[in-house]
Structures are given as structure tokens and as C-alpha cells.
Amino acid sequence: MNIFQKFINKKQEETIIEKTENGFIYAPMEGKVIPLKEINDGVFSEEMLGKGCAMKPIDGKLYAPFDGEILLITETKHAIALKSCDGIELLIHIGMDTVKMNGKGFNPLVKVGDKIKCGQSLMTFSISDIEKAGYVTTTAIIITNSDQYKDIEVLAQGHTKKSEKLIKIL
């Protein structure tokens, strides 16, 4: 495979959504949507950091859930904070207790301060590395400023493809 074919394959995989709607969070990965209450981590299941949902990813790819900006990538690369153009602050925490992996298996494709478009590739991560380390891949998707909104409605259920509408902010 030549260099151009690799570029073409990457572009086909990454589908930027040109027309997004304010007040929506689009699925940042493909996988099964899980209610926060079902996560085996009290910080998330009791909504201590905010409301949202979780997803069990089917591959190790994370995409931008809206147009906005990267606020933070943890030193251990397992979590990323973003802010949408309309003010939604979001934490995406890949796996449970994956902080203990010290970045192994996580490859950010963006940096703090980058402007992002919905559907843009943000990170790759190794599901097998996470599972081999004894952790689950369940990924928390938390609106950290959810107290500023009237309601947070999880729209998707079951298997959801990346960039489908996931959460509506009211």
C-alpha cells in the first residue's frame, strides 16, 4: 500500500459532519450505549461529574462529538475534555481505571487548543491492551456542565454508529 492509499483510506474512515445542530452530542465512537447507572464506578454512575451516558466501543477509535475545541488531554491519555462551539463541556473517559495504564495503548491525534469538527478523529486506543491489563473498555461520556442545562436526554439506545445523535441538551 503506497502513502496515497493510506491517506485515502484514512479520509474514507473519517467522515466530517458538515451540518451539525447546536444542543446535540453525536456519538464519539461506534458501540453499545449504556446508561451511566450501569457503570461499575460510583463517580460516573452517581453522576458526580455530570450527566451523560457510556458506550462500550467495538473498535479503538474516538471521534469529535461536535464542533469545538480540545480543552484537556490527561497526561495518561485515557481521557479528553472538549468544549462545543455552543458551550457544552464534555469529558470522554476511555475505560474504567485505565489511568493506571499510564498512557499505554492510547494515541491522541489532537492536542490541547486544537479546533475540531464533528466526526474528526481524536484518538486511537487499543481495546486489547485495555482488556489485557484487566480493565473494561466502557467509556463514560459526561457533560461536566450539565447543571447549567434544564435537561440532558440520551437519544440513542443499543448499538450506535459514530456520529449518530447521542445526547440532546435542553
C-alpha atoms as a PDB file:
ATOM      1  CA  MET A   1       0.000   0.000   0.000  1.00  0.00           C
ATOM      2  CA  ASN A   2       1.510   3.322  -1.020  1.00  0.00           C
ATOM      3  CA  ILE A   3       1.386   6.551   1.004  1.00  0.00           C
ATOM      4  CA  PHE A   4      -1.503   7.944  -1.041  1.00  0.00           C
ATOM      5  CA  GLN A   5      -3.631   4.842  -0.486  1.00  0.00           C
ATOM      6  CA  LYS A   6      -3.089   5.158   3.287  1.00  0.00           C
ATOM      7  CA  PHE A   7      -4.237   8.784   3.111  1.00  0.00           C
ATOM      8  CA  ILE A   8      -7.307   7.875   1.042  1.00  0.00           C
ATOM      9  CA  ASN A   9      -8.243   5.052   3.455  1.00  0.00           C
ATOM     10  CA  LYS A  10      -7.891   7.394   6.456  1.00  0.00           C
ATOM     11  CA  LYS A  11     -10.103  10.028   4.807  1.00  0.00           C
ATOM     12  CA  GLN A  12     -12.780   7.439   3.956  1.00  0.00           C
ATOM     13  CA  GLU A  13     -12.811   6.318   7.599  1.00  0.00           C
ATOM     14  CA  GLU A  14     -13.091   9.879   8.938  1.00  0.00           C
ATOM     15  CA  THR A  15     -16.391  11.462   7.954  1.00  0.00           C
ATOM     16  CA  ILE A  16     -16.650  15.097   8.963  1.00  0.00           C
ATOM     17  CA  ILE A  17     -20.249  16.151   9.557  1.00  0.00           C
ATOM     18  CA  GLU A  18     -20.680  19.473   7.773  1.00  0.00           C
ATOM     19  CA  LYS A  19     -24.063  20.413   9.246  1.00  0.00           C
ATOM     20  CA  THR A  20     -24.392  19.751  12.948  1.00  0.00           C
ATOM     21  CA  GLU A  21     -27.156  21.038  15.181  1.00  0.00           C
ATOM     22  CA  ASN A  22     -26.492  23.048  18.320  1.00  0.00           C
ATOM     23  CA  GLY A  23     -27.526  21.299  21.515  1.00  0.00           C
ATOM     24  CA  PHE A  24     -26.604  17.808  20.335  1.00  0.00           C
ATOM     25  CA  ILE A  25     -23.730  15.495  21.149  1.00  0.00           C
ATOM     26  CA  TYR A  26     -23.021  12.993  18.395  1.00  0.00           C
ATOM     27  CA  ALA A  27     -21.668   9.513  19.196  1.00  0.00           C
ATOM     28  CA  PRO A  28     -17.868   9.745  19.510  1.00  0.00           C
ATOM     29  CA  MET A  29     -17.425   6.047  18.690  1.00  0.00           C
ATOM     30  CA  GLU A  30     -19.277   3.027  17.417  1.00  0.00           C
ATOM     31  CA  GLY A  31     -20.589   0.711  20.087  1.00  0.00           C
ATOM     32  CA  LYS A  32     -23.333  -0.105  22.568  1.00  0.00           C
ATOM     33  CA  VAL A  33     -24.895   2.755  24.545  1.00  0.00           C
ATOM     34  CA  ILE A  34     -25.075   2.062  28.284  1.00  0.00           C
ATOM     35  CA  PRO A  35     -26.895   4.117  30.962  1.00  0.00           C
ATOM     36  CA  LEU A  36     -24.493   5.716  33.457  1.00  0.00           C
ATOM     37  CA  LYS A  37     -26.285   3.931  36.309  1.00  0.00           C
ATOM     38  CA  GLU A  38     -24.976   0.618  34.946  1.00  0.00           C
ATOM     39  CA  ILE A  39     -21.292   1.612  35.123  1.00  0.00           C
ATOM     40  CA  ASN A  40     -19.375  -0.083  37.913  1.00  0.00           C
ATOM     41  CA  ASP A  41     -17.782   3.196  39.053  1.00  0.00           C
ATOM     42  CA  GLY A  42     -19.597   5.398  41.555  1.00  0.00           C
ATOM     43  CA  VAL A  43     -18.044   8.623  40.289  1.00  0.00           C
ATOM     44  CA  PHE A  44     -19.799   8.110  36.951  1.00  0.00           C
ATOM     45  CA  SER A  45     -22.877   6.068  37.944  1.00  0.00           C
ATOM     46  CA  GLU A  46     -23.861   8.588  40.625  1.00  0.00           C
ATOM     47  CA  GLU A  47     -23.324  11.471  38.175  1.00  0.00           C
ATOM     48  CA  MET A  48     -20.752  13.179  40.421  1.00  0.00           C
ATOM     49  CA  LEU A  49     -19.023  14.718  37.392  1.00  0.00           C
ATOM     50  CA  GLY A  50     -22.226  15.371  35.451  1.00  0.00           C
ATOM     51  CA  LYS A  51     -24.928  13.665  33.414  1.00  0.00           C
ATOM     52  CA  GLY A  52     -24.422  11.675  30.254  1.00  0.00           C
ATOM     53  CA  CYS A  53     -24.104   8.064  29.179  1.00  0.00           C
ATOM     54  CA  ALA A  54     -21.479   5.459  28.426  1.00  0.00           C
ATOM     55  CA  MET A  55     -20.553   3.381  25.415  1.00  0.00           C
ATOM     56  CA  LYS A  56     -18.877   0.003  25.007  1.00  0.00           C
ATOM     57  CA  PRO A  57     -16.687   0.558  21.924  1.00  0.00           C
ATOM     58  CA  ILE A  58     -16.373  -2.019  19.150  1.00  0.00           C
ATOM     59  CA  ASP A  59     -13.102  -0.576  17.869  1.00  0.00           C
ATOM     60  CA  GLY A  60     -10.393   1.674  19.223  1.00  0.00           C
ATOM     61  CA  LYS A  61     -11.373   4.904  17.511  1.00  0.00           C
ATOM     62  CA  LEU A  62     -12.583   8.128  19.116  1.00  0.00           C
ATOM     63  CA  TYR A  63     -14.154  10.924  17.073  1.00  0.00           C
ATOM     64  CA  ALA A  64     -15.208  14.506  17.802  1.00  0.00           C
ATOM     65  CA  PRO A  65     -18.820  14.547  19.074  1.00  0.00           C
ATOM     66  CA  PHE A  66     -19.382  18.155  17.944  1.00  0.00           C
ATOM     67  CA  ASP A  67     -17.596  21.198  16.534  1.00  0.00           C
ATOM     68  CA  GLY A  68     -15.472  22.832  19.204  1.00  0.00           C
ATOM     69  CA  GLU A  69     -12.102  22.811  20.911  1.00  0.00           C
ATOM     70  CA  ILE A  70      -9.858  20.429  22.861  1.00  0.00           C
ATOM     71  CA  LEU A  71      -9.570  21.668  26.468  1.00  0.00           C
ATOM     72  CA  LEU A  72      -7.546  18.858  28.052  1.00  0.00           C
ATOM     73  CA  ILE A  73      -5.880  15.552  27.318  1.00  0.00           C
ATOM     74  CA  THR A  74      -4.833  13.822  30.514  1.00  0.00           C
ATOM     75  CA  GLU A  75      -1.161  13.007  30.939  1.00  0.00           C
ATOM     76  CA  THR A  76      -2.129   9.332  30.880  1.00  0.00           C
ATOM     77  CA  LYS A  77      -4.052   9.923  27.606  1.00  0.00           C
ATOM     78  CA  HIS A  78      -7.130   7.940  28.714  1.00  0.00           C
ATOM     79  CA  ALA A  79      -9.427  10.971  28.990  1.00  0.00           C
ATOM     80  CA  ILE A  80     -10.116  14.047  26.922  1.00  0.00           C
ATOM     81  CA  ALA A  81     -12.123  17.198  27.698  1.00  0.00           C
ATOM     82  CA  LEU A  82     -13.785  19.227  24.954  1.00  0.00           C
ATOM     83  CA  LYS A  83     -15.988  22.294  24.632  1.00  0.00           C
ATOM     84  CA  SER A  84     -18.526  22.720  21.845  1.00  0.00           C
ATOM     85  CA  CYS A  85     -18.987  25.960  19.938  1.00  0.00           C
ATOM     86  CA  ASP A  86     -22.284  26.403  21.826  1.00  0.00           C
ATOM     87  CA  GLY A  87     -20.736  25.896  25.283  1.00  0.00           C
ATOM     88  CA  ILE A  88     -21.264  22.194  26.074  1.00  0.00           C
ATOM     89  CA  GLU A  89     -18.345  20.916  28.158  1.00  0.00           C
ATOM     90  CA  LEU A  90     -17.707  17.208  27.732  1.00  0.00           C
ATOM     91  CA  LEU A  91     -15.412  14.647  29.315  1.00  0.00           C
ATOM     92  CA  ILE A  92     -14.757  11.405  27.451  1.00  0.00           C
ATOM     93  CA  HIS A  93     -13.127   8.863  29.767  1.00  0.00           C
ATOM     94  CA  ILE A  94     -11.993   5.736  27.898  1.00  0.00           C
ATOM     95  CA  GLY A  95     -12.284   2.609  30.045  1.00  0.00           C
ATOM     96  CA  MET A  96     -12.556   2.279  33.811  1.00  0.00           C
ATOM     97  CA  ASP A  97      -9.381   2.613  35.917  1.00  0.00           C
ATOM     98  CA  THR A  98      -7.347   2.976  32.712  1.00  0.00           C
ATOM     99  CA  VAL A  99      -5.442   5.840  34.353  1.00  0.00           C
ATOM    100  CA  LYS A 100      -3.297   3.015  35.772  1.00  0.00           C
ATOM    101  CA  MET A 101      -2.125   2.136  32.243  1.00  0.00           C
ATOM    102  CA  ASN A 102      -0.027   5.334  32.174  1.00  0.00           C
ATOM    103  CA  GLY A 103      -0.837   6.054  28.536  1.00  0.00           C
ATOM    104  CA  LYS A 104      -0.002   2.598  27.148  1.00  0.00           C
ATOM    105  CA  GLY A 105      -2.292   1.842  24.233  1.00  0.00           C
ATOM    106  CA  PHE A 106      -3.629   5.416  23.856  1.00  0.00           C
ATOM    107  CA  ASN A 107      -2.644   7.582  20.879  1.00  0.00           C
ATOM    108  CA  PRO A 108      -4.099  11.126  20.775  1.00  0.00           C
ATOM    109  CA  LEU A 109      -4.312  12.610  17.277  1.00  0.00           C
ATOM    110  CA  VAL A 110      -5.034  16.146  18.527  1.00  0.00           C
ATOM    111  CA  LYS A 111      -3.578  18.486  21.125  1.00  0.00           C
ATOM    112  CA  VAL A 112      -4.936  20.974  23.655  1.00  0.00           C
ATOM    113  CA  GLY A 113      -6.223  24.103  21.919  1.00  0.00           C
ATOM    114  CA  ASP A 114      -6.991  22.389  18.603  1.00  0.00           C
ATOM    115  CA  LYS A 115     -10.255  23.369  16.914  1.00  0.00           C
ATOM    116  CA  ILE A 116     -12.225  20.257  15.989  1.00  0.00           C
ATOM    117  CA  LYS A 117     -15.054  19.342  13.606  1.00  0.00           C
ATOM    118  CA  CYS A 118     -17.735  16.779  14.367  1.00  0.00           C
ATOM    119  CA  GLY A 119     -16.608  13.360  13.116  1.00  0.00           C
ATOM    120  CA  GLN A 120     -12.895  14.242  13.135  1.00  0.00           C
ATOM    121  CA  SER A 121     -10.536  11.558  14.503  1.00  0.00           C
ATOM    122  CA  LEU A 122      -9.369  12.492  18.010  1.00  0.00           C
ATOM    123  CA  MET A 123      -7.636   9.378  19.292  1.00  0.00           C
ATOM    124  CA  THR A 124      -6.972   5.723  18.738  1.00  0.00           C
ATOM    125  CA  PHE A 125      -6.756   3.262  21.602  1.00  0.00           C
ATOM    126  CA  SER A 126      -6.090  -0.439  21.963  1.00  0.00           C
ATOM    127  CA  ILE A 127      -9.066  -2.403  23.229  1.00  0.00           C
ATOM    128  CA  SER A 128      -6.833  -5.468  23.566  1.00  0.00           C
ATOM    129  CA  ASP A 129      -4.266  -3.564  25.686  1.00  0.00           C
ATOM    130  CA  ILE A 130      -7.051  -2.325  27.979  1.00  0.00           C
ATOM    131  CA  GLU A 131      -8.532  -5.812  28.359  1.00  0.00           C
ATOM    132  CA  LYS A 132      -5.105  -7.485  28.789  1.00  0.00           C
ATOM    133  CA  ALA A 133      -4.404  -5.019  31.621  1.00  0.00           C
ATOM    134  CA  GLY A 134      -7.606  -6.268  33.294  1.00  0.00           C
ATOM    135  CA  TYR A 135      -9.794  -3.220  32.691  1.00  0.00           C
ATOM    136  CA  VAL A 136     -13.131  -2.751  30.940  1.00  0.00           C
ATOM    137  CA  THR A 137     -13.428  -0.578  27.845  1.00  0.00           C
ATOM    138  CA  THR A 138     -16.692   1.073  28.890  1.00  0.00           C
ATOM    139  CA  THR A 139     -16.273   4.740  28.009  1.00  0.00           C
ATOM    140  CA  ALA A 140     -18.012   7.466  30.020  1.00  0.00           C
ATOM    141  CA  ILE A 141     -19.348  10.452  28.067  1.00  0.00           C
ATOM    142  CA  ILE A 142     -20.094  13.150  30.637  1.00  0.00           C
ATOM    143  CA  ILE A 143     -21.473  16.672  30.248  1.00  0.00           C
ATOM    144  CA  THR A 144     -19.432  18.306  33.000  1.00  0.00           C
ATOM    145  CA  ASN A 145     -21.509  21.493  32.954  1.00  0.00           C
ATOM    146  CA  SER A 146     -24.854  19.621  32.868  1.00  0.00           C
ATOM    147  CA  ASP A 147     -26.051  21.638  35.884  1.00  0.00           C
ATOM    148  CA  GLN A 148     -26.274  24.647  33.544  1.00  0.00           C
ATOM    149  CA  TYR A 149     -28.952  22.968  31.427  1.00  0.00           C
ATOM    150  CA  LYS A 150     -32.633  22.220  32.011  1.00  0.00           C
ATOM    151  CA  ASP A 151     -32.278  18.572  30.984  1.00  0.00           C
ATOM    152  CA  ILE A 152     -29.992  16.065  29.297  1.00  0.00           C
ATOM    153  CA  GLU A 153     -31.742  13.462  27.135  1.00  0.00           C
ATOM    154  CA  VAL A 154     -29.903  10.364  25.906  1.00  0.00           C
ATOM    155  CA  LEU A 155     -31.392   9.692  22.474  1.00  0.00           C
ATOM    156  CA  ALA A 156     -29.536   6.569  21.371  1.00  0.00           C
ATOM    157  CA  GLN A 157     -30.044   3.053  22.684  1.00  0.00           C
ATOM    158  CA  GLY A 158     -28.328  -0.228  21.913  1.00  0.00           C
ATOM    159  CA  HIS A 159     -25.800  -0.312  19.083  1.00  0.00           C
ATOM    160  CA  THR A 160     -24.981   3.164  17.818  1.00  0.00           C
ATOM    161  CA  LYS A 161     -22.701   4.185  14.972  1.00  0.00           C
ATOM    162  CA  LYS A 162     -20.226   7.017  15.322  1.00  0.00           C
ATOM    163  CA  SER A 163     -21.606  10.471  14.549  1.00  0.00           C
ATOM    164  CA  GLU A 164     -25.259   9.480  15.134  1.00  0.00           C
ATOM    165  CA  LYS A 165     -27.152  11.761  17.518  1.00  0.00           C
ATOM    166  CA  LEU A 166     -26.393  10.516  21.027  1.00  0.00           C
ATOM    167  CA  ILE A 167     -27.491  13.179  23.525  1.00  0.00           C
ATOM    168  CA  LYS A 168     -29.797  16.189  23.327  1.00  0.00           C
ATOM    169  CA  ILE A 169     -29.128  19.150  25.613  1.00  0.00           C
ATOM    170  CA  LEU A 170     -32.263  21.052  26.636  1.00  0.00           C
END
